[in-house]
Amino acid sequence: MQLKPITSIAVILLVVASLLVAGCTTTTTNTATNQTPSVSATPSAATHNATLENYLAVLNNTMYSQNDQTVKAFEITWINSTSARLHDVEVNKTTNLTYSGDSTYILFPTTQDATNHLNAMNKTAYSLASTKCENSSGGAPGAYKNVTGHAPQICKEYDRSEGASSSSLDYRRYAIVQYDNLIMEITAKNLE
């Protein structure tokens, strides 16, 4: 009589194991909505922080809606659930200058955590360019406001540049930016 419970348990364990194995072989697809088709992201979008994912989507929409530039690339590579790299290429329609940017976005649990990270970074070659959150209607501050429902309270931008001028091919711009709990490390260069 004791054989029946053991057999039942073994069958249940086999069913559970089969279900677990079947779950491991399925693929997930990115079903995010309202994204411009040129946005590329890793397929495991379900593990991404929703605030950061929404921020990048709003930033993408903002960049594509600007009349003075043509976006040639906007490619997102997720580092982990709270950080991503963005590679973008735009052509300024007024100057006909093409520039490329590589940025890392890190979303911290709190503003203090982001401030601690920023304070620990080596910024000796940088100068503090701004602490004002004045452009909270457009661009990156506007994207932050759109996603969080409020303009950033802490805005810090550290900049440095290399090259002859902002219109020369050897020009490089580096920035470290904080909007509350979001840190952005940006490298931009002219391509042609």
N, C-alpha and C. Protein backbone atom coordinates (compact mmCIF):
# COMPACT_ATOMS: atom_id res chain seq x y z
N MET A 1 0.80 -1.20 0.00
CA MET A 1 0.00 0.00 0.00
C MET A 1 0.84 1.26 0.00
N GLN A 2 2.06 1.21 0.53
CA GLN A 2 2.89 2.40 0.55
C GLN A 2 3.45 2.73 -0.83
N LEU A 3 3.38 1.85 -1.73
CA LEU A 3 3.90 2.07 -3.07
C LEU A 3 3.08 3.11 -3.83
N LYS A 4 1.79 3.18 -3.62
CA LYS A 4 0.94 4.13 -4.33
C LYS A 4 1.30 5.58 -4.01
N PRO A 5 1.48 6.00 -2.74
CA PRO A 5 1.86 7.40 -2.49
C PRO A 5 3.22 7.75 -3.09
N ILE A 6 4.16 6.83 -3.03
CA ILE A 6 5.49 7.10 -3.59
C ILE A 6 5.39 7.25 -5.10
N THR A 7 4.59 6.39 -5.74
CA THR A 7 4.40 6.48 -7.19
C THR A 7 3.72 7.80 -7.55
N SER A 8 2.73 8.20 -6.77
CA SER A 8 2.03 9.46 -7.03
C SER A 8 2.98 10.64 -6.90
N ILE A 9 3.82 10.64 -5.88
CA ILE A 9 4.78 11.71 -5.68
C ILE A 9 5.78 11.75 -6.85
N ALA A 10 6.23 10.59 -7.28
CA ALA A 10 7.18 10.53 -8.39
C ALA A 10 6.55 11.08 -9.67
N VAL A 11 5.30 10.73 -9.92
CA VAL A 11 4.61 11.24 -11.10
C VAL A 11 4.46 12.75 -11.03
N ILE A 12 4.09 13.27 -9.87
CA ILE A 12 3.93 14.72 -9.69
C ILE A 12 5.27 15.42 -9.91
N LEU A 13 6.34 14.87 -9.35
CA LEU A 13 7.66 15.46 -9.54
C LEU A 13 8.07 15.46 -11.02
N LEU A 14 7.75 14.39 -11.74
CA LEU A 14 8.06 14.35 -13.16
C LEU A 14 7.27 15.40 -13.94
N VAL A 15 6.01 15.57 -13.58
CA VAL A 15 5.19 16.58 -14.26
C VAL A 15 5.75 17.98 -13.99
N VAL A 16 6.09 18.27 -12.72
CA VAL A 16 6.66 19.59 -12.37
C VAL A 16 7.98 19.80 -13.10
N ALA A 17 8.83 18.78 -13.11
CA ALA A 17 10.12 18.90 -13.81
C ALA A 17 9.91 19.14 -15.30
N SER A 18 8.94 18.45 -15.90
CA SER A 18 8.64 18.65 -17.32
C SER A 18 8.18 20.06 -17.60
N LEU A 19 7.33 20.60 -16.71
CA LEU A 19 6.86 21.97 -16.89
C LEU A 19 7.99 22.97 -16.75
N LEU A 20 8.88 22.74 -15.78
CA LEU A 20 10.01 23.65 -15.60
C LEU A 20 10.93 23.63 -16.82
N VAL A 21 11.21 22.45 -17.33
CA VAL A 21 12.07 22.35 -18.50
C VAL A 21 11.40 23.01 -19.70
N ALA A 22 10.10 22.78 -19.86
CA ALA A 22 9.38 23.41 -20.98
C ALA A 22 9.42 24.92 -20.85
N GLY A 23 9.32 25.44 -19.65
CA GLY A 23 9.38 26.89 -19.45
C GLY A 23 10.74 27.46 -19.78
N CYS A 24 11.78 26.68 -19.60
CA CYS A 24 13.13 27.17 -19.88
C CYS A 24 13.43 27.25 -21.36
N THR A 25 12.67 26.55 -22.17
CA THR A 25 12.98 26.54 -23.60
C THR A 25 12.14 27.52 -24.40
N THR A 26 11.24 28.22 -23.75
CA THR A 26 10.45 29.17 -24.50
C THR A 26 11.22 30.46 -24.67
N THR A 27 10.93 31.18 -25.73
CA THR A 27 11.58 32.46 -25.96
C THR A 27 10.60 33.57 -25.67
N THR A 28 11.16 34.68 -25.20
CA THR A 28 10.32 35.84 -24.95
C THR A 28 10.59 36.86 -26.04
N THR A 29 9.58 37.64 -26.33
CA THR A 29 9.74 38.69 -27.32
C THR A 29 9.43 40.02 -26.70
N ASN A 30 10.02 41.06 -27.23
CA ASN A 30 9.79 42.40 -26.72
C ASN A 30 8.46 42.89 -27.29
N THR A 31 7.48 43.11 -26.39
CA THR A 31 6.17 43.55 -26.83
C THR A 31 5.91 44.98 -26.42
N ALA A 32 6.97 45.76 -26.27
CA ALA A 32 6.79 47.16 -25.88
C ALA A 32 6.02 47.90 -26.97
N THR A 33 5.17 48.81 -26.56
CA THR A 33 4.38 49.56 -27.51
C THR A 33 4.91 50.97 -27.63
N ASN A 34 4.45 51.67 -28.65
CA ASN A 34 4.80 53.07 -28.88
C ASN A 34 6.29 53.27 -29.10
N GLN A 35 6.97 52.30 -29.68
CA GLN A 35 8.37 52.48 -29.99
C GLN A 35 8.53 52.67 -31.49
N THR A 36 9.43 53.53 -31.85
CA THR A 36 9.77 53.70 -33.25
C THR A 36 10.48 52.44 -33.70
N PRO A 37 10.19 51.91 -34.87
CA PRO A 37 10.76 50.63 -35.30
C PRO A 37 12.28 50.58 -35.27
N SER A 38 12.97 51.71 -35.36
CA SER A 38 14.43 51.68 -35.40
C SER A 38 15.06 51.46 -34.02
N VAL A 39 14.26 51.42 -32.98
CA VAL A 39 14.79 51.17 -31.65
C VAL A 39 15.07 49.69 -31.52
N SER A 40 16.27 49.35 -31.15
CA SER A 40 16.58 47.95 -30.91
C SER A 40 16.83 47.75 -29.43
N ALA A 41 16.34 46.66 -28.91
CA ALA A 41 16.51 46.36 -27.50
C ALA A 41 16.69 44.85 -27.36
N THR A 42 17.24 44.44 -26.24
CA THR A 42 17.42 43.02 -26.01
C THR A 42 16.07 42.38 -25.78
N PRO A 43 15.91 41.08 -26.09
CA PRO A 43 14.60 40.46 -26.01
C PRO A 43 14.07 40.26 -24.60
N SER A 44 14.86 40.39 -23.57
CA SER A 44 14.38 40.14 -22.21
C SER A 44 13.86 41.42 -21.56
N ALA A 45 13.04 42.15 -22.28
CA ALA A 45 12.54 43.44 -21.81
C ALA A 45 11.74 43.33 -20.52
N ALA A 46 11.20 42.17 -20.21
CA ALA A 46 10.40 42.02 -19.00
C ALA A 46 11.22 42.26 -17.75
N THR A 47 12.54 42.12 -17.82
CA THR A 47 13.38 42.31 -16.64
C THR A 47 13.91 43.73 -16.51
N HIS A 48 13.61 44.59 -17.46
CA HIS A 48 14.12 45.96 -17.44
C HIS A 48 13.29 46.82 -16.50
N ASN A 49 13.96 47.78 -15.88
CA ASN A 49 13.27 48.74 -15.03
C ASN A 49 12.31 49.54 -15.90
N ALA A 50 11.04 49.57 -15.51
CA ALA A 50 10.01 50.22 -16.33
C ALA A 50 10.26 51.72 -16.48
N THR A 51 10.73 52.37 -15.43
CA THR A 51 10.99 53.82 -15.50
C THR A 51 12.08 54.12 -16.51
N LEU A 52 13.18 53.38 -16.46
CA LEU A 52 14.27 53.61 -17.40
C LEU A 52 13.84 53.25 -18.82
N GLU A 53 13.12 52.17 -18.97
CA GLU A 53 12.66 51.77 -20.30
C GLU A 53 11.73 52.85 -20.88
N ASN A 54 10.83 53.36 -20.07
CA ASN A 54 9.92 54.43 -20.51
C ASN A 54 10.69 55.70 -20.82
N TYR A 55 11.69 56.03 -20.00
CA TYR A 55 12.51 57.22 -20.25
C TYR A 55 13.17 57.14 -21.62
N LEU A 56 13.77 56.00 -21.92
CA LEU A 56 14.45 55.83 -23.21
C LEU A 56 13.46 55.87 -24.37
N ALA A 57 12.27 55.34 -24.18
CA ALA A 57 11.25 55.40 -25.23
C ALA A 57 10.79 56.84 -25.47
N VAL A 58 10.59 57.61 -24.40
CA VAL A 58 10.19 59.01 -24.55
C VAL A 58 11.32 59.81 -25.18
N LEU A 59 12.56 59.55 -24.77
CA LEU A 59 13.71 60.22 -25.38
C LEU A 59 13.77 59.91 -26.87
N ASN A 60 13.54 58.67 -27.24
CA ASN A 60 13.51 58.27 -28.64
C ASN A 60 12.44 59.05 -29.40
N ASN A 61 11.24 59.10 -28.86
CA ASN A 61 10.16 59.84 -29.52
C ASN A 61 10.49 61.32 -29.65
N THR A 62 11.11 61.89 -28.61
CA THR A 62 11.49 63.31 -28.64
C THR A 62 12.51 63.56 -29.73
N MET A 63 13.52 62.69 -29.83
CA MET A 63 14.55 62.89 -30.84
C MET A 63 13.97 62.79 -32.25
N TYR A 64 13.10 61.83 -32.47
CA TYR A 64 12.51 61.66 -33.81
C TYR A 64 11.55 62.78 -34.17
N SER A 65 11.01 63.47 -33.17
CA SER A 65 10.04 64.53 -33.47
C SER A 65 10.68 65.90 -33.71
N GLN A 66 11.99 66.03 -33.50
CA GLN A 66 12.65 67.32 -33.71
C GLN A 66 12.79 67.59 -35.21
N ASN A 67 12.36 68.78 -35.61
CA ASN A 67 12.37 69.14 -37.02
C ASN A 67 13.74 69.52 -37.54
N ASP A 68 14.68 69.89 -36.67
CA ASP A 68 15.99 70.35 -37.12
C ASP A 68 17.02 69.24 -37.26
N GLN A 69 16.61 67.98 -37.06
CA GLN A 69 17.56 66.89 -37.19
C GLN A 69 16.88 65.65 -37.75
N THR A 70 17.72 64.80 -38.36
CA THR A 70 17.27 63.51 -38.84
C THR A 70 18.01 62.45 -38.04
N VAL A 71 17.27 61.56 -37.41
CA VAL A 71 17.87 60.50 -36.61
C VAL A 71 18.20 59.34 -37.54
N LYS A 72 19.48 58.96 -37.55
CA LYS A 72 19.94 57.85 -38.38
C LYS A 72 20.03 56.54 -37.58
N ALA A 73 20.25 56.65 -36.26
CA ALA A 73 20.35 55.45 -35.42
C ALA A 73 19.93 55.80 -34.00
N PHE A 74 19.25 54.86 -33.37
CA PHE A 74 18.88 54.96 -31.96
C PHE A 74 18.81 53.52 -31.46
N GLU A 75 19.94 53.03 -30.95
CA GLU A 75 20.07 51.62 -30.60
C GLU A 75 20.36 51.47 -29.11
N ILE A 76 19.53 50.70 -28.45
CA ILE A 76 19.65 50.49 -27.00
C ILE A 76 20.18 49.09 -26.75
N THR A 77 21.17 48.99 -25.88
CA THR A 77 21.69 47.71 -25.41
C THR A 77 21.60 47.73 -23.89
N TRP A 78 20.86 46.80 -23.35
CA TRP A 78 20.69 46.75 -21.90
C TRP A 78 21.90 46.11 -21.26
N ILE A 79 22.41 46.75 -20.20
CA ILE A 79 23.54 46.24 -19.44
C ILE A 79 23.02 45.31 -18.35
N ASN A 80 22.02 45.79 -17.63
CA ASN A 80 21.30 45.00 -16.63
C ASN A 80 19.92 45.63 -16.49
N SER A 81 19.18 45.29 -15.46
CA SER A 81 17.80 45.76 -15.37
C SER A 81 17.67 47.26 -15.13
N THR A 82 18.72 47.91 -14.62
CA THR A 82 18.63 49.34 -14.30
C THR A 82 19.65 50.19 -15.05
N SER A 83 20.29 49.63 -16.07
CA SER A 83 21.23 50.44 -16.85
C SER A 83 21.25 49.96 -18.30
N ALA A 84 21.46 50.94 -19.18
CA ALA A 84 21.46 50.65 -20.62
C ALA A 84 22.41 51.58 -21.33
N ARG A 85 22.89 51.13 -22.48
CA ARG A 85 23.71 51.96 -23.35
C ARG A 85 22.87 52.38 -24.55
N LEU A 86 23.05 53.61 -24.96
CA LEU A 86 22.36 54.13 -26.13
C LEU A 86 23.39 54.62 -27.13
N HIS A 87 23.28 54.13 -28.35
CA HIS A 87 24.09 54.64 -29.46
C HIS A 87 23.14 55.36 -30.40
N ASP A 88 23.42 56.63 -30.66
CA ASP A 88 22.55 57.39 -31.55
C ASP A 88 23.39 58.18 -32.55
N VAL A 89 22.82 58.39 -33.72
CA VAL A 89 23.46 59.18 -34.78
C VAL A 89 22.38 60.11 -35.34
N GLU A 90 22.71 61.39 -35.40
CA GLU A 90 21.79 62.38 -35.95
C GLU A 90 22.51 63.26 -36.97
N VAL A 91 21.72 63.80 -37.89
CA VAL A 91 22.21 64.78 -38.85
C VAL A 91 21.47 66.08 -38.55
N ASN A 92 22.24 67.14 -38.27
CA ASN A 92 21.65 68.46 -38.07
C ASN A 92 21.30 69.01 -39.44
N LYS A 93 20.02 69.28 -39.67
CA LYS A 93 19.57 69.74 -40.99
C LYS A 93 20.05 71.15 -41.31
N THR A 94 20.32 71.97 -40.30
CA THR A 94 20.77 73.34 -40.51
C THR A 94 22.24 73.37 -40.91
N THR A 95 23.09 72.66 -40.15
CA THR A 95 24.53 72.68 -40.41
C THR A 95 24.99 71.54 -41.31
N ASN A 96 24.12 70.54 -41.53
CA ASN A 96 24.43 69.33 -42.27
C ASN A 96 25.58 68.56 -41.62
N LEU A 97 25.73 68.71 -40.33
CA LEU A 97 26.77 68.03 -39.56
C LEU A 97 26.19 66.76 -38.95
N THR A 98 26.89 65.64 -39.11
CA THR A 98 26.47 64.37 -38.53
C THR A 98 27.25 64.15 -37.25
N TYR A 99 26.54 63.81 -36.20
CA TYR A 99 27.22 63.52 -34.95
C TYR A 99 26.69 62.22 -34.37
N SER A 100 27.54 61.61 -33.56
CA SER A 100 27.25 60.31 -32.97
C SER A 100 27.40 60.42 -31.46
N GLY A 101 26.53 59.73 -30.75
CA GLY A 101 26.60 59.73 -29.30
C GLY A 101 26.56 58.32 -28.76
N ASP A 102 27.32 58.10 -27.70
CA ASP A 102 27.28 56.85 -26.94
C ASP A 102 27.07 57.23 -25.49
N SER A 103 25.96 56.79 -24.93
CA SER A 103 25.59 57.19 -23.58
C SER A 103 25.26 55.97 -22.75
N THR A 104 25.57 56.06 -21.47
CA THR A 104 25.18 55.04 -20.51
C THR A 104 24.20 55.67 -19.55
N TYR A 105 23.06 55.03 -19.35
CA TYR A 105 22.02 55.50 -18.44
C TYR A 105 21.92 54.52 -17.28
N ILE A 106 21.99 55.06 -16.06
CA ILE A 106 21.88 54.23 -14.86
C ILE A 106 20.80 54.83 -13.98
N LEU A 107 19.80 54.02 -13.64
CA LEU A 107 18.73 54.47 -12.76
C LEU A 107 18.97 53.87 -11.38
N PHE A 108 19.11 54.75 -10.39
CA PHE A 108 19.36 54.33 -9.02
C PHE A 108 18.06 54.28 -8.24
N PRO A 109 18.03 53.52 -7.15
CA PRO A 109 16.79 53.44 -6.35
C PRO A 109 16.39 54.78 -5.74
N THR A 110 17.38 55.60 -5.38
CA THR A 110 17.08 56.89 -4.76
C THR A 110 17.98 57.97 -5.36
N THR A 111 17.57 59.22 -5.17
CA THR A 111 18.38 60.35 -5.61
C THR A 111 19.70 60.37 -4.85
N GLN A 112 19.67 60.03 -3.56
CA GLN A 112 20.90 60.02 -2.77
C GLN A 112 21.89 58.99 -3.30
N ASP A 113 21.40 57.83 -3.71
CA ASP A 113 22.29 56.82 -4.30
C ASP A 113 22.94 57.34 -5.58
N ALA A 114 22.17 58.04 -6.40
CA ALA A 114 22.72 58.62 -7.64
C ALA A 114 23.74 59.70 -7.30
N THR A 115 23.44 60.53 -6.31
CA THR A 115 24.37 61.59 -5.89
C THR A 115 25.66 60.97 -5.37
N ASN A 116 25.56 59.92 -4.58
CA ASN A 116 26.76 59.24 -4.06
C ASN A 116 27.60 58.69 -5.22
N HIS A 117 26.95 58.11 -6.22
CA HIS A 117 27.67 57.59 -7.39
C HIS A 117 28.36 58.72 -8.13
N LEU A 118 27.64 59.81 -8.35
CA LEU A 118 28.21 60.97 -9.05
C LEU A 118 29.40 61.54 -8.28
N ASN A 119 29.26 61.67 -6.97
CA ASN A 119 30.35 62.21 -6.15
C ASN A 119 31.59 61.32 -6.16
N ALA A 120 31.40 60.02 -6.34
CA ALA A 120 32.53 59.08 -6.36
C ALA A 120 33.23 59.03 -7.71
N MET A 121 32.62 59.59 -8.74
CA MET A 121 33.22 59.56 -10.08
C MET A 121 34.38 60.54 -10.19
N ASN A 122 35.35 60.19 -11.02
CA ASN A 122 36.48 61.09 -11.27
C ASN A 122 36.03 62.16 -12.26
N LYS A 123 35.90 63.38 -11.77
CA LYS A 123 35.45 64.49 -12.61
C LYS A 123 36.51 65.59 -12.69
N THR A 124 37.78 65.26 -12.44
CA THR A 124 38.81 66.29 -12.39
C THR A 124 38.99 67.01 -13.73
N ALA A 125 38.76 66.33 -14.85
CA ALA A 125 38.91 66.98 -16.16
C ALA A 125 37.63 67.71 -16.58
N TYR A 126 36.58 67.60 -15.79
CA TYR A 126 35.28 68.19 -16.13
C TYR A 126 35.09 69.51 -15.38
N SER A 127 34.20 70.33 -15.91
CA SER A 127 33.77 71.52 -15.18
C SER A 127 32.26 71.44 -15.01
N LEU A 128 31.78 71.97 -13.91
CA LEU A 128 30.35 71.99 -13.65
C LEU A 128 29.71 73.00 -14.59
N ALA A 129 28.92 72.54 -15.54
CA ALA A 129 28.34 73.41 -16.56
C ALA A 129 26.99 73.97 -16.14
N SER A 130 26.24 73.18 -15.35
CA SER A 130 24.90 73.65 -14.97
C SER A 130 24.38 72.88 -13.77
N THR A 131 23.59 73.57 -12.96
CA THR A 131 22.86 72.93 -11.87
C THR A 131 21.39 73.30 -11.94
N LYS A 132 20.99 73.86 -13.07
CA LYS A 132 19.60 74.31 -13.23
C LYS A 132 18.79 73.26 -13.99
N CYS A 133 17.57 73.10 -13.58
CA CYS A 133 16.64 72.19 -14.26
C CYS A 133 15.70 73.02 -15.12
N GLU A 134 16.26 73.97 -15.85
CA GLU A 134 15.44 74.96 -16.54
C GLU A 134 14.74 74.44 -17.79
N ASN A 135 15.30 73.48 -18.48
CA ASN A 135 14.69 73.00 -19.71
C ASN A 135 13.88 71.73 -19.43
N SER A 136 12.92 71.83 -18.53
CA SER A 136 12.18 70.64 -18.15
C SER A 136 10.99 70.35 -19.07
N SER A 137 10.88 71.07 -20.17
CA SER A 137 9.79 70.80 -21.09
C SER A 137 10.23 70.01 -22.30
N GLY A 138 11.51 70.03 -22.63
CA GLY A 138 11.99 69.33 -23.82
C GLY A 138 13.27 68.58 -23.55
N GLY A 139 13.72 67.82 -24.52
CA GLY A 139 14.97 67.08 -24.41
C GLY A 139 14.97 66.10 -23.27
N ALA A 140 16.16 65.86 -22.72
CA ALA A 140 16.31 64.88 -21.65
C ALA A 140 15.53 65.26 -20.39
N PRO A 141 15.57 66.53 -19.92
CA PRO A 141 14.76 66.86 -18.73
C PRO A 141 13.26 66.69 -18.99
N GLY A 142 12.82 66.99 -20.19
CA GLY A 142 11.41 66.81 -20.54
C GLY A 142 11.02 65.34 -20.56
N ALA A 143 11.91 64.50 -21.04
CA ALA A 143 11.65 63.06 -21.03
C ALA A 143 11.54 62.57 -19.59
N TYR A 144 12.42 63.06 -18.71
CA TYR A 144 12.37 62.67 -17.31
C TYR A 144 11.04 63.10 -16.68
N LYS A 145 10.62 64.32 -16.96
CA LYS A 145 9.35 64.84 -16.43
C LYS A 145 8.18 64.04 -16.97
N ASN A 146 8.21 63.71 -18.23
CA ASN A 146 7.13 62.96 -18.85
C ASN A 146 6.97 61.59 -18.18
N VAL A 147 8.07 60.94 -17.86
CA VAL A 147 8.02 59.59 -17.29
C VAL A 147 7.69 59.60 -15.80
N THR A 148 8.31 60.51 -15.06
CA THR A 148 8.12 60.51 -13.60
C THR A 148 6.94 61.34 -13.14
N GLY A 149 6.46 62.24 -13.99
CA GLY A 149 5.35 63.10 -13.60
C GLY A 149 5.79 64.39 -12.94
N HIS A 150 7.09 64.59 -12.80
CA HIS A 150 7.61 65.84 -12.21
C HIS A 150 8.97 66.15 -12.82
N ALA A 151 9.27 67.44 -12.87
CA ALA A 151 10.59 67.85 -13.35
C ALA A 151 11.65 67.39 -12.34
N PRO A 152 12.85 67.11 -12.80
CA PRO A 152 13.89 66.73 -11.84
C PRO A 152 14.17 67.86 -10.85
N GLN A 153 14.39 67.51 -9.60
CA GLN A 153 14.70 68.48 -8.56
C GLN A 153 16.20 68.74 -8.49
N ILE A 154 16.99 67.73 -8.81
CA ILE A 154 18.45 67.87 -8.82
C ILE A 154 18.92 67.67 -10.25
N CYS A 155 19.57 68.69 -10.78
CA CYS A 155 20.16 68.63 -12.12
C CYS A 155 21.60 69.09 -12.01
N LYS A 156 22.50 68.22 -12.39
CA LYS A 156 23.92 68.57 -12.42
C LYS A 156 24.47 68.09 -13.74
N GLU A 157 25.23 68.96 -14.40
CA GLU A 157 25.86 68.60 -15.66
C GLU A 157 27.32 69.00 -15.61
N TYR A 158 28.17 68.01 -15.75
CA TYR A 158 29.61 68.23 -15.83
C TYR A 158 30.02 67.98 -17.27
N ASP A 159 30.80 68.90 -17.86
CA ASP A 159 31.20 68.80 -19.26
C ASP A 159 32.70 68.93 -19.42
N ARG A 160 33.18 68.34 -20.51
CA ARG A 160 34.53 68.59 -21.00
C ARG A 160 34.49 68.32 -22.50
N SER A 161 35.41 68.95 -23.21
CA SER A 161 35.45 68.74 -24.66
C SER A 161 36.88 68.68 -25.14
N GLU A 162 37.04 68.11 -26.31
CA GLU A 162 38.33 68.01 -26.98
C GLU A 162 38.12 68.44 -28.42
N GLY A 163 39.14 68.99 -29.02
CA GLY A 163 39.05 69.37 -30.43
C GLY A 163 38.99 70.86 -30.62
N ALA A 164 39.13 71.26 -31.86
CA ALA A 164 39.24 72.68 -32.20
C ALA A 164 37.95 73.45 -31.94
N SER A 165 36.83 72.97 -32.45
CA SER A 165 35.56 73.66 -32.25
C SER A 165 34.43 72.66 -32.38
N SER A 166 33.23 73.08 -32.00
CA SER A 166 32.10 72.16 -32.06
C SER A 166 31.71 71.78 -33.48
N SER A 167 32.28 72.44 -34.48
CA SER A 167 31.97 72.10 -35.86
C SER A 167 33.10 71.34 -36.56
N SER A 168 34.18 71.03 -35.86
CA SER A 168 35.30 70.32 -36.50
C SER A 168 35.17 68.81 -36.28
N LEU A 169 35.80 68.05 -37.15
CA LEU A 169 35.70 66.60 -37.07
C LEU A 169 36.45 66.00 -35.89
N ASP A 170 37.40 66.73 -35.33
CA ASP A 170 38.13 66.19 -34.18
C ASP A 170 37.46 66.55 -32.85
N TYR A 171 36.29 67.15 -32.90
CA TYR A 171 35.59 67.58 -31.69
C TYR A 171 34.95 66.39 -30.98
N ARG A 172 35.12 66.36 -29.66
CA ARG A 172 34.50 65.37 -28.78
C ARG A 172 33.92 66.10 -27.58
N ARG A 173 32.72 65.70 -27.17
CA ARG A 173 32.09 66.26 -25.98
C ARG A 173 31.81 65.12 -25.02
N TYR A 174 32.16 65.33 -23.77
CA TYR A 174 31.92 64.36 -22.72
C TYR A 174 31.08 65.03 -21.65
N ALA A 175 30.09 64.33 -21.15
CA ALA A 175 29.24 64.90 -20.11
C ALA A 175 28.85 63.82 -19.12
N ILE A 176 28.70 64.25 -17.88
CA ILE A 176 28.14 63.43 -16.83
C ILE A 176 26.97 64.23 -16.27
N VAL A 177 25.78 63.64 -16.32
CA VAL A 177 24.56 64.37 -15.97
C VAL A 177 23.79 63.60 -14.92
N GLN A 178 23.23 64.33 -13.97
CA GLN A 178 22.33 63.73 -12.98
C GLN A 178 20.98 64.45 -13.03
N TYR A 179 19.92 63.68 -13.16
CA TYR A 179 18.54 64.14 -12.96
C TYR A 179 17.98 63.26 -11.85
N ASP A 180 17.91 63.79 -10.65
CA ASP A 180 17.44 63.04 -9.49
C ASP A 180 18.14 61.69 -9.40
N ASN A 181 17.43 60.58 -9.63
CA ASN A 181 18.04 59.26 -9.46
C ASN A 181 18.57 58.66 -10.77
N LEU A 182 18.68 59.48 -11.82
CA LEU A 182 19.19 59.03 -13.12
C LEU A 182 20.55 59.66 -13.38
N ILE A 183 21.53 58.83 -13.70
CA ILE A 183 22.86 59.30 -14.09
C ILE A 183 23.08 58.94 -15.55
N MET A 184 23.61 59.91 -16.32
CA MET A 184 23.92 59.70 -17.73
C MET A 184 25.38 60.04 -17.96
N GLU A 185 26.09 59.16 -18.60
CA GLU A 185 27.46 59.41 -19.04
C GLU A 185 27.44 59.45 -20.56
N ILE A 186 27.81 60.60 -21.13
CA ILE A 186 27.61 60.84 -22.56
C ILE A 186 28.94 61.16 -23.23
N THR A 187 29.15 60.54 -24.38
CA THR A 187 30.27 60.86 -25.26
C THR A 187 29.67 61.15 -26.64
N ALA A 188 29.97 62.31 -27.18
CA ALA A 188 29.46 62.69 -28.50
C ALA A 188 30.61 63.14 -29.37
N LYS A 189 30.52 62.85 -30.66
CA LYS A 189 31.57 63.27 -31.58
C LYS A 189 30.95 63.58 -32.94
N ASN A 190 31.64 64.43 -33.68
CA ASN A 190 31.23 64.75 -35.04
C ASN A 190 31.76 63.66 -35.98
N LEU A 191 30.93 63.27 -36.94
CA LEU A 191 31.34 62.24 -37.89
C LEU A 191 31.70 62.82 -39.24
N GLU A 192 30.96 63.84 -39.68
CA GLU A 192 31.24 64.45 -40.99
C GLU A 192 30.60 65.80 -41.04
